[in-house]
Amino acid sequence: MPSPDADRPPEARAVAERYLRRERPLSALVVVLAVALFLAAYAATSLLPAVGVAAVLLVVARAPILTSNGTIRLRTDADPKTVAASFAGPTPPVLALQWGVADGVVPADDGATYPVSYLFGLRSIEMAVETHVSETDDGARRVELDVTANGSAWATYTATIRDDGEGTVVDVEYDAERRFGLRRVPQQLVAERYRDEALAVQGYEVVARDAHFGL
């Protein structure tokens, strides 16, 4: 059974829950707009053209045409060893919006699993992260996070952690392994609003972010 609270900083969970309260209504709004367009087409024409409109909307909304990737530079007062342990642990700081809204965290030897239920428990998804730790040629620590959703590749995060003499710097590269449709755009936009805040409450300052979101 997943532990609902173990290893999850409450401040980060609070940010993730605020994200969820914003994201769910916006995602529902996409469905409402699609239904409204179908009804408008039906009212203006007849059932057959309206069905055609609905089919086009469904394809456009779900077609996997978008992707995201980018880099983030973080700074923290914690020492590199502590930061590396945090990124390699069951709740990596950069995945706060995933483990923060999960039903719980199931730690594993090489990562963790985050079961998430929604639609009043009618649907669920299992996010999992597999962790790989190594060291670069110049002695920096490297943590790679391979994230899956229901067993399918979802994203990869690679964090390079080093001491620059004034603190610990973390350079994170991320790349979505799965494309997504337009219906996921509200989710992405809301996530952008809360990612930096989720990192800040865990003690990480976002020094720079270069995000690419599109075709």
Foldseek 3Di string as FASTA:
>chain_A
DFDQDPPAPPQLLVLLVVLVVQLVVLLVVLVVVLVVQLVVQCVVDHNVVSVVSSVVSVCQQWPQFKWKKWKWKKFFADAQVVLLCCCQWQHHLQCSNQQSQFSHWATDPFYIKGWHADPVRPDIKIKTWGWDWDADPVGWIKIKIFIDINPHTFKIKIWTWDDPPVGIMIMIIMTTPTGGHNSCVSSVVSCVVRSQVSNVVVGIHTPDIDMDMTD
